[in-house]
Amino acid sequence: MPAITNCLWFNTQAAEAAEYYCGIFKNSKINNTSYYGEGSPYPAGTVLTVDFELDGQGFTALNGGPQFTFSEAISFQIDCADQEEVDYYWNSLTADGGEESQCGWLKDKYGLSWQVVPNVLSKLLTGPDAEGVQRAMNVLMGQRKLIIADLQKAYDGG
């Protein structure tokens, strides 16, 4: 199967954003940076693309201009092992101008949408106890950052 790389369109912040994301996600790195040449829409030497990895997942950040912006129609989901990971990613991505949304969704300071989700959520929303699933869903709908203990308590009937 061919590799699939996510390409993120920025106005002029591709290098800054790549460094920002690599600073948040462990095992991440910038692999390559390309630059606009003479006769391009930006001054020669301006960053064109930055190829980077977030924990092994490939991304390209492109400085393409202000024509396109991010929307919630596309988001990246971070599957978290526990509340400590949820808190870390939530706090890191909402810092410096990020915005909280609901049900574990947020926008970072560049407007890119993320879902910060504990691994246990799928079990709580597909478990054998239909009433427990509904209780957990009701709690989920009222949360911004997901709180595992509250979701589990609701599922268990507490």
N, C-alpha and C. Protein backbone atom coordinates (compact mmCIF):
# COMPACT_ATOMS: atom_id res chain seq x y z
N MET A 1 0.85 -1.18 0.00
CA MET A 1 0.00 0.00 0.00
C MET A 1 0.89 1.24 0.00
N PRO A 2 0.55 2.24 -0.80
CA PRO A 2 1.37 3.45 -0.81
C PRO A 2 1.21 4.22 0.51
N ALA A 3 2.21 5.00 0.84
CA ALA A 3 2.15 5.83 2.05
C ALA A 3 1.17 6.97 1.81
N ILE A 4 0.45 7.34 2.83
CA ILE A 4 -0.45 8.48 2.78
C ILE A 4 0.12 9.54 3.73
N THR A 5 0.34 10.72 3.19
CA THR A 5 0.87 11.83 3.98
C THR A 5 -0.18 12.93 4.05
N ASN A 6 -0.42 13.43 5.23
CA ASN A 6 -1.35 14.53 5.42
C ASN A 6 -0.66 15.83 5.02
N CYS A 7 -1.31 16.62 4.17
CA CYS A 7 -0.77 17.91 3.76
C CYS A 7 -1.62 19.01 4.38
N LEU A 8 -0.99 19.86 5.14
CA LEU A 8 -1.66 20.94 5.86
C LEU A 8 -1.31 22.27 5.21
N TRP A 9 -2.31 23.00 4.77
CA TRP A 9 -2.13 24.28 4.07
C TRP A 9 -2.12 25.41 5.08
N PHE A 10 -1.05 26.15 5.10
CA PHE A 10 -0.92 27.33 5.94
C PHE A 10 -0.75 28.56 5.05
N ASN A 11 -0.99 29.72 5.61
CA ASN A 11 -0.72 30.95 4.90
C ASN A 11 0.79 31.13 4.79
N THR A 12 1.43 31.36 5.94
CA THR A 12 2.89 31.56 5.96
C THR A 12 3.55 30.88 7.16
N GLN A 13 2.81 30.09 7.94
CA GLN A 13 3.32 29.56 9.20
C GLN A 13 3.74 28.09 9.14
N ALA A 14 4.04 27.54 7.98
CA ALA A 14 4.34 26.11 7.86
C ALA A 14 5.50 25.69 8.75
N ALA A 15 6.61 26.40 8.72
CA ALA A 15 7.78 26.02 9.52
C ALA A 15 7.48 26.16 11.01
N GLU A 16 6.85 27.25 11.38
CA GLU A 16 6.49 27.48 12.79
C GLU A 16 5.57 26.37 13.29
N ALA A 17 4.56 26.02 12.49
CA ALA A 17 3.60 24.99 12.89
C ALA A 17 4.27 23.62 13.01
N ALA A 18 5.13 23.28 12.07
CA ALA A 18 5.82 21.99 12.13
C ALA A 18 6.66 21.89 13.40
N GLU A 19 7.36 22.95 13.73
CA GLU A 19 8.16 22.96 14.97
C GLU A 19 7.26 22.85 16.20
N TYR A 20 6.15 23.55 16.17
CA TYR A 20 5.19 23.52 17.28
C TYR A 20 4.67 22.09 17.50
N TYR A 21 4.21 21.44 16.44
CA TYR A 21 3.68 20.08 16.57
C TYR A 21 4.77 19.09 16.99
N CYS A 22 5.97 19.22 16.43
CA CYS A 22 7.07 18.33 16.82
C CYS A 22 7.46 18.53 18.28
N GLY A 23 7.23 19.71 18.81
CA GLY A 23 7.50 19.97 20.22
C GLY A 23 6.47 19.35 21.16
N ILE A 24 5.29 19.07 20.65
CA ILE A 24 4.22 18.48 21.47
C ILE A 24 4.26 16.96 21.43
N PHE A 25 4.41 16.41 20.24
CA PHE A 25 4.34 14.96 20.07
C PHE A 25 5.73 14.34 20.19
N LYS A 26 5.83 13.36 21.06
CA LYS A 26 7.10 12.67 21.26
C LYS A 26 7.47 11.88 20.00
N ASN A 27 8.73 11.54 19.85
CA ASN A 27 9.20 10.77 18.69
C ASN A 27 8.84 11.45 17.37
N SER A 28 9.03 12.75 17.32
CA SER A 28 8.69 13.52 16.14
C SER A 28 9.91 14.27 15.62
N LYS A 29 9.88 14.58 14.33
CA LYS A 29 11.04 15.26 13.75
C LYS A 29 10.67 15.94 12.45
N ILE A 30 11.46 16.95 12.12
CA ILE A 30 11.36 17.60 10.82
C ILE A 30 12.36 16.91 9.90
N ASN A 31 11.89 16.46 8.75
CA ASN A 31 12.73 15.71 7.81
C ASN A 31 13.33 16.57 6.71
N ASN A 32 12.57 17.55 6.23
CA ASN A 32 13.03 18.31 5.07
C ASN A 32 12.27 19.61 4.98
N THR A 33 12.93 20.63 4.48
CA THR A 33 12.30 21.92 4.21
C THR A 33 12.66 22.34 2.80
N SER A 34 11.65 22.75 2.03
CA SER A 34 11.90 23.27 0.68
C SER A 34 11.51 24.75 0.65
N TYR A 35 12.03 25.45 -0.33
CA TYR A 35 11.88 26.91 -0.38
C TYR A 35 11.40 27.35 -1.76
N TYR A 36 10.66 28.45 -1.77
CA TYR A 36 10.25 29.05 -3.03
C TYR A 36 11.49 29.59 -3.75
N GLY A 37 11.49 29.48 -5.07
CA GLY A 37 12.58 30.01 -5.89
C GLY A 37 12.18 31.31 -6.56
N GLU A 38 13.03 31.77 -7.44
CA GLU A 38 12.75 32.99 -8.20
C GLU A 38 11.50 32.81 -9.05
N GLY A 39 10.72 33.87 -9.18
CA GLY A 39 9.54 33.84 -10.03
C GLY A 39 8.33 33.16 -9.41
N SER A 40 8.39 32.84 -8.15
CA SER A 40 7.27 32.18 -7.47
C SER A 40 6.40 33.26 -6.81
N PRO A 41 5.25 32.85 -6.26
CA PRO A 41 4.35 33.84 -5.66
C PRO A 41 4.88 34.46 -4.36
N TYR A 42 5.94 33.89 -3.78
CA TYR A 42 6.55 34.43 -2.57
C TYR A 42 8.00 34.79 -2.88
N PRO A 43 8.61 35.62 -2.07
CA PRO A 43 10.02 35.94 -2.30
C PRO A 43 10.89 34.68 -2.25
N ALA A 44 11.88 34.61 -3.12
CA ALA A 44 12.81 33.48 -3.15
C ALA A 44 13.38 33.27 -1.75
N GLY A 45 13.46 32.02 -1.34
CA GLY A 45 13.99 31.69 -0.03
C GLY A 45 12.91 31.54 1.04
N THR A 46 11.66 31.91 0.74
CA THR A 46 10.55 31.73 1.67
C THR A 46 10.22 30.23 1.75
N VAL A 47 9.91 29.74 2.92
CA VAL A 47 9.58 28.32 3.08
C VAL A 47 8.37 27.96 2.22
N LEU A 48 8.51 26.91 1.42
CA LEU A 48 7.42 26.37 0.63
C LEU A 48 6.76 25.22 1.38
N THR A 49 7.55 24.18 1.72
CA THR A 49 7.00 23.04 2.44
C THR A 49 7.95 22.60 3.55
N VAL A 50 7.36 21.95 4.55
CA VAL A 50 8.13 21.31 5.61
C VAL A 50 7.58 19.90 5.75
N ASP A 51 8.42 18.91 5.53
CA ASP A 51 8.04 17.51 5.73
C ASP A 51 8.44 17.11 7.14
N PHE A 52 7.48 16.58 7.90
CA PHE A 52 7.76 16.21 9.28
C PHE A 52 6.95 14.98 9.68
N GLU A 53 7.34 14.40 10.79
CA GLU A 53 6.66 13.22 11.33
C GLU A 53 6.23 13.50 12.76
N LEU A 54 5.03 13.06 13.08
CA LEU A 54 4.54 13.07 14.45
C LEU A 54 4.38 11.62 14.87
N ASP A 55 5.28 11.15 15.68
CA ASP A 55 5.30 9.76 16.15
C ASP A 55 5.16 8.78 14.98
N GLY A 56 5.90 9.04 13.91
CA GLY A 56 5.94 8.15 12.76
C GLY A 56 4.94 8.45 11.66
N GLN A 57 3.95 9.30 11.92
CA GLN A 57 2.95 9.66 10.91
C GLN A 57 3.45 10.84 10.10
N GLY A 58 3.47 10.70 8.77
CA GLY A 58 3.99 11.74 7.90
C GLY A 58 3.04 12.89 7.68
N PHE A 59 3.59 14.09 7.67
CA PHE A 59 2.86 15.32 7.38
C PHE A 59 3.71 16.20 6.48
N THR A 60 3.04 17.01 5.69
CA THR A 60 3.69 18.09 4.96
C THR A 60 2.94 19.37 5.31
N ALA A 61 3.67 20.38 5.71
CA ALA A 61 3.09 21.70 5.94
C ALA A 61 3.46 22.55 4.73
N LEU A 62 2.48 23.19 4.12
CA LEU A 62 2.66 23.95 2.90
C LEU A 62 2.28 25.41 3.15
N ASN A 63 3.16 26.32 2.77
CA ASN A 63 2.82 27.75 2.78
C ASN A 63 2.21 28.07 1.43
N GLY A 64 0.88 28.09 1.37
CA GLY A 64 0.19 28.29 0.11
C GLY A 64 -0.56 29.60 0.00
N GLY A 65 -0.59 30.37 1.06
CA GLY A 65 -1.32 31.64 1.03
C GLY A 65 -2.63 31.57 1.78
N PRO A 66 -3.35 32.69 1.82
CA PRO A 66 -4.55 32.80 2.65
C PRO A 66 -5.83 32.24 2.02
N GLN A 67 -5.75 31.66 0.84
CA GLN A 67 -6.98 31.23 0.15
C GLN A 67 -7.78 30.18 0.90
N PHE A 68 -7.10 29.26 1.60
CA PHE A 68 -7.79 28.17 2.26
C PHE A 68 -7.45 28.15 3.75
N THR A 69 -8.43 27.78 4.55
CA THR A 69 -8.22 27.67 5.99
C THR A 69 -8.77 26.34 6.47
N PHE A 70 -8.41 25.95 7.66
CA PHE A 70 -8.88 24.70 8.24
C PHE A 70 -10.34 24.83 8.67
N SER A 71 -11.04 23.69 8.68
CA SER A 71 -12.40 23.64 9.23
C SER A 71 -12.53 22.35 10.02
N GLU A 72 -13.62 22.25 10.78
CA GLU A 72 -13.87 21.06 11.59
C GLU A 72 -14.20 19.84 10.74
N ALA A 73 -14.38 20.03 9.44
CA ALA A 73 -14.69 18.89 8.56
C ALA A 73 -13.53 17.89 8.53
N ILE A 74 -12.33 18.34 8.86
CA ILE A 74 -11.17 17.47 8.98
C ILE A 74 -10.57 17.66 10.37
N SER A 75 -10.29 16.56 11.03
CA SER A 75 -9.64 16.64 12.35
C SER A 75 -8.70 15.46 12.49
N PHE A 76 -7.80 15.57 13.43
CA PHE A 76 -6.89 14.48 13.76
C PHE A 76 -7.25 13.97 15.14
N GLN A 77 -7.39 12.66 15.26
CA GLN A 77 -7.75 12.04 16.53
C GLN A 77 -6.51 11.50 17.21
N ILE A 78 -6.35 11.86 18.47
CA ILE A 78 -5.25 11.37 19.29
C ILE A 78 -5.83 10.36 20.26
N ASP A 79 -5.45 9.10 20.11
CA ASP A 79 -5.91 8.04 20.99
C ASP A 79 -4.99 8.00 22.21
N CYS A 80 -5.55 8.31 23.36
CA CYS A 80 -4.78 8.45 24.60
C CYS A 80 -4.98 7.26 25.52
N ALA A 81 -3.89 6.81 26.14
CA ALA A 81 -3.92 5.64 27.02
C ALA A 81 -4.64 5.91 28.33
N ASP A 82 -4.55 7.15 28.83
CA ASP A 82 -5.09 7.43 30.15
C ASP A 82 -5.37 8.94 30.30
N GLN A 83 -5.87 9.33 31.47
CA GLN A 83 -6.21 10.73 31.70
C GLN A 83 -4.99 11.63 31.64
N GLU A 84 -3.85 11.13 32.06
CA GLU A 84 -2.63 11.93 32.00
C GLU A 84 -2.31 12.32 30.55
N GLU A 85 -2.45 11.39 29.62
CA GLU A 85 -2.22 11.71 28.21
C GLU A 85 -3.29 12.66 27.68
N VAL A 86 -4.54 12.43 28.04
CA VAL A 86 -5.61 13.34 27.61
C VAL A 86 -5.28 14.76 28.08
N ASP A 87 -4.93 14.89 29.34
CA ASP A 87 -4.62 16.22 29.90
C ASP A 87 -3.43 16.85 29.18
N TYR A 88 -2.39 16.06 28.93
CA TYR A 88 -1.18 16.59 28.28
C TYR A 88 -1.51 17.15 26.90
N TYR A 89 -2.15 16.35 26.05
CA TYR A 89 -2.43 16.80 24.70
C TYR A 89 -3.46 17.92 24.67
N TRP A 90 -4.45 17.81 25.52
CA TRP A 90 -5.49 18.86 25.58
C TRP A 90 -4.85 20.19 25.99
N ASN A 91 -4.08 20.18 27.05
CA ASN A 91 -3.46 21.41 27.55
C ASN A 91 -2.45 21.96 26.56
N SER A 92 -1.68 21.08 25.93
CA SER A 92 -0.66 21.53 24.96
C SER A 92 -1.30 22.17 23.73
N LEU A 93 -2.35 21.55 23.21
CA LEU A 93 -2.95 22.04 21.97
C LEU A 93 -3.91 23.21 22.17
N THR A 94 -4.39 23.42 23.39
CA THR A 94 -5.24 24.60 23.62
C THR A 94 -4.43 25.79 24.12
N ALA A 95 -3.15 25.58 24.40
CA ALA A 95 -2.30 26.68 24.88
C ALA A 95 -2.07 27.69 23.75
N ASP A 96 -1.73 28.88 24.13
CA ASP A 96 -1.32 29.92 23.18
C ASP A 96 -2.38 30.23 22.13
N GLY A 97 -3.64 30.26 22.54
CA GLY A 97 -4.69 30.67 21.61
C GLY A 97 -5.53 29.56 21.04
N GLY A 98 -5.32 28.32 21.47
CA GLY A 98 -6.20 27.24 21.04
C GLY A 98 -7.58 27.42 21.64
N GLU A 99 -8.57 26.74 21.07
CA GLU A 99 -9.95 26.88 21.54
C GLU A 99 -10.55 25.53 21.88
N GLU A 100 -11.15 25.43 23.05
CA GLU A 100 -11.88 24.23 23.44
C GLU A 100 -13.20 24.18 22.71
N SER A 101 -13.62 22.99 22.35
CA SER A 101 -14.95 22.78 21.81
C SER A 101 -15.65 21.80 22.73
N GLN A 102 -16.40 20.85 22.21
CA GLN A 102 -17.07 19.89 23.07
C GLN A 102 -16.73 18.47 22.66
N CYS A 103 -17.03 17.55 23.55
CA CYS A 103 -16.87 16.11 23.28
C CYS A 103 -15.45 15.72 22.92
N GLY A 104 -14.45 16.39 23.52
CA GLY A 104 -13.06 16.06 23.27
C GLY A 104 -12.45 16.74 22.06
N TRP A 105 -13.18 17.65 21.42
CA TRP A 105 -12.68 18.36 20.24
C TRP A 105 -12.09 19.70 20.66
N LEU A 106 -11.07 20.14 19.91
CA LEU A 106 -10.48 21.45 20.11
C LEU A 106 -9.87 21.94 18.81
N LYS A 107 -9.56 23.22 18.76
CA LYS A 107 -8.78 23.79 17.66
C LYS A 107 -7.50 24.32 18.26
N ASP A 108 -6.37 24.03 17.61
CA ASP A 108 -5.11 24.58 18.09
C ASP A 108 -4.97 26.03 17.62
N LYS A 109 -3.86 26.64 17.94
CA LYS A 109 -3.68 28.07 17.64
C LYS A 109 -3.64 28.36 16.15
N TYR A 110 -3.49 27.35 15.31
CA TYR A 110 -3.51 27.53 13.86
C TYR A 110 -4.89 27.26 13.26
N GLY A 111 -5.83 26.84 14.10
CA GLY A 111 -7.18 26.54 13.63
C GLY A 111 -7.40 25.10 13.22
N LEU A 112 -6.40 24.25 13.41
CA LEU A 112 -6.51 22.84 13.06
C LEU A 112 -7.27 22.10 14.16
N SER A 113 -8.23 21.28 13.77
CA SER A 113 -9.08 20.56 14.73
C SER A 113 -8.47 19.23 15.14
N TRP A 114 -8.59 18.94 16.42
CA TRP A 114 -8.09 17.70 17.01
C TRP A 114 -9.17 17.11 17.89
N GLN A 115 -9.18 15.78 17.97
CA GLN A 115 -10.01 15.06 18.93
C GLN A 115 -9.05 14.36 19.90
N VAL A 116 -9.15 14.69 21.16
CA VAL A 116 -8.29 14.10 22.19
C VAL A 116 -9.16 13.09 22.93
N VAL A 117 -8.93 11.80 22.64
CA VAL A 117 -9.87 10.75 23.04
C VAL A 117 -9.16 9.65 23.82
N PRO A 118 -9.69 9.31 25.00
CA PRO A 118 -9.11 8.17 25.72
C PRO A 118 -9.51 6.86 25.04
N ASN A 119 -8.59 5.90 25.01
CA ASN A 119 -8.85 4.61 24.38
C ASN A 119 -10.10 3.93 24.92
N VAL A 120 -10.39 4.12 26.20
CA VAL A 120 -11.51 3.44 26.84
C VAL A 120 -12.87 3.95 26.32
N LEU A 121 -12.89 5.09 25.65
CA LEU A 121 -14.16 5.66 25.20
C LEU A 121 -14.94 4.71 24.30
N SER A 122 -14.26 4.05 23.38
CA SER A 122 -14.98 3.15 22.48
C SER A 122 -15.66 2.01 23.24
N LYS A 123 -15.04 1.52 24.30
CA LYS A 123 -15.66 0.47 25.11
C LYS A 123 -16.89 1.00 25.86
N LEU A 124 -16.80 2.24 26.32
CA LEU A 124 -17.92 2.83 27.05
C LEU A 124 -19.10 3.15 26.13
N LEU A 125 -18.83 3.37 24.85
CA LEU A 125 -19.90 3.73 23.92
C LEU A 125 -20.40 2.55 23.09
N THR A 126 -19.77 1.37 23.28
CA THR A 126 -20.22 0.18 22.55
C THR A 126 -20.37 -1.02 23.46
N GLY A 127 -20.33 -0.78 24.77
CA GLY A 127 -20.39 -1.87 25.73
C GLY A 127 -21.73 -2.61 25.70
N PRO A 128 -21.81 -3.73 26.39
CA PRO A 128 -23.02 -4.56 26.38
C PRO A 128 -24.19 -3.96 27.16
N ASP A 129 -23.93 -3.00 28.02
CA ASP A 129 -24.98 -2.38 28.83
C ASP A 129 -25.52 -1.15 28.10
N ALA A 130 -26.66 -1.30 27.42
CA ALA A 130 -27.23 -0.22 26.61
C ALA A 130 -27.54 1.02 27.45
N GLU A 131 -28.02 0.81 28.67
CA GLU A 131 -28.32 1.96 29.53
C GLU A 131 -27.03 2.65 29.96
N GLY A 132 -25.99 1.84 30.24
CA GLY A 132 -24.69 2.41 30.58
C GLY A 132 -24.11 3.21 29.43
N VAL A 133 -24.25 2.70 28.23
CA VAL A 133 -23.79 3.42 27.04
C VAL A 133 -24.49 4.76 26.95
N GLN A 134 -25.80 4.77 27.15
CA GLN A 134 -26.56 6.02 27.07
C GLN A 134 -26.13 7.01 28.15
N ARG A 135 -25.92 6.51 29.37
CA ARG A 135 -25.46 7.39 30.45
C ARG A 135 -24.09 7.98 30.12
N ALA A 136 -23.18 7.15 29.62
CA ALA A 136 -21.85 7.65 29.24
C ALA A 136 -21.95 8.67 28.12
N MET A 137 -22.81 8.41 27.14
CA MET A 137 -23.00 9.36 26.03
C MET A 137 -23.54 10.69 26.54
N ASN A 138 -24.46 10.64 27.48
CA ASN A 138 -25.01 11.88 28.04
C ASN A 138 -23.92 12.70 28.73
N VAL A 139 -23.03 12.05 29.46
CA VAL A 139 -21.92 12.75 30.10
C VAL A 139 -20.96 13.30 29.05
N LEU A 140 -20.64 12.47 28.06
CA LEU A 140 -19.75 12.88 26.98
C LEU A 140 -20.25 14.17 26.32
N MET A 141 -21.52 14.25 26.05
CA MET A 141 -22.08 15.41 25.35
C MET A 141 -21.95 16.70 26.16
N GLY A 142 -21.79 16.59 27.46
CA GLY A 142 -21.64 17.77 28.31
C GLY A 142 -20.20 18.14 28.61
N GLN A 143 -19.26 17.35 28.16
CA GLN A 143 -17.86 17.61 28.47
C GLN A 143 -17.18 18.36 27.33
N ARG A 144 -16.16 19.10 27.69
CA ARG A 144 -15.24 19.67 26.71
C ARG A 144 -14.05 18.70 26.66
N LYS A 145 -13.07 18.87 27.56
CA LYS A 145 -12.02 17.86 27.70
C LYS A 145 -12.68 16.63 28.32
N LEU A 146 -12.36 15.46 27.79
CA LEU A 146 -12.98 14.24 28.29
C LEU A 146 -12.33 13.83 29.61
N ILE A 147 -13.18 13.53 30.58
CA ILE A 147 -12.75 13.09 31.90
C ILE A 147 -13.16 11.63 32.05
N ILE A 148 -12.17 10.77 32.00
CA ILE A 148 -12.41 9.32 31.98
C ILE A 148 -13.20 8.87 33.20
N ALA A 149 -12.83 9.33 34.38
CA ALA A 149 -13.51 8.88 35.60
C ALA A 149 -15.00 9.20 35.56
N ASP A 150 -15.38 10.36 35.05
CA ASP A 150 -16.79 10.74 34.96
C ASP A 150 -17.53 9.88 33.93
N LEU A 151 -16.87 9.59 32.83
CA LEU A 151 -17.49 8.74 31.80
C LEU A 151 -17.68 7.31 32.31
N GLN A 152 -16.66 6.80 32.99
CA GLN A 152 -16.74 5.43 33.55
C GLN A 152 -17.79 5.35 34.63
N LYS A 153 -17.86 6.35 35.49
CA LYS A 153 -18.84 6.38 36.57
C LYS A 153 -20.26 6.37 35.98
N ALA A 154 -20.46 7.15 34.93
CA ALA A 154 -21.79 7.19 34.29
C ALA A 154 -22.13 5.82 33.70
N TYR A 155 -21.19 5.22 33.01
CA TYR A 155 -21.44 3.90 32.42
C TYR A 155 -21.78 2.88 33.51
N ASP A 156 -21.07 2.94 34.63
CA ASP A 156 -21.28 1.99 35.72
C ASP A 156 -22.56 2.26 36.51
N GLY A 157 -23.20 3.40 36.24
CA GLY A 157 -24.46 3.70 36.92
C GLY A 157 -24.32 4.54 38.15
N GLY A 158 -23.15 5.08 38.40
CA GLY A 158 -22.90 5.87 39.61
C GLY A 158 -23.16 7.32 39.47
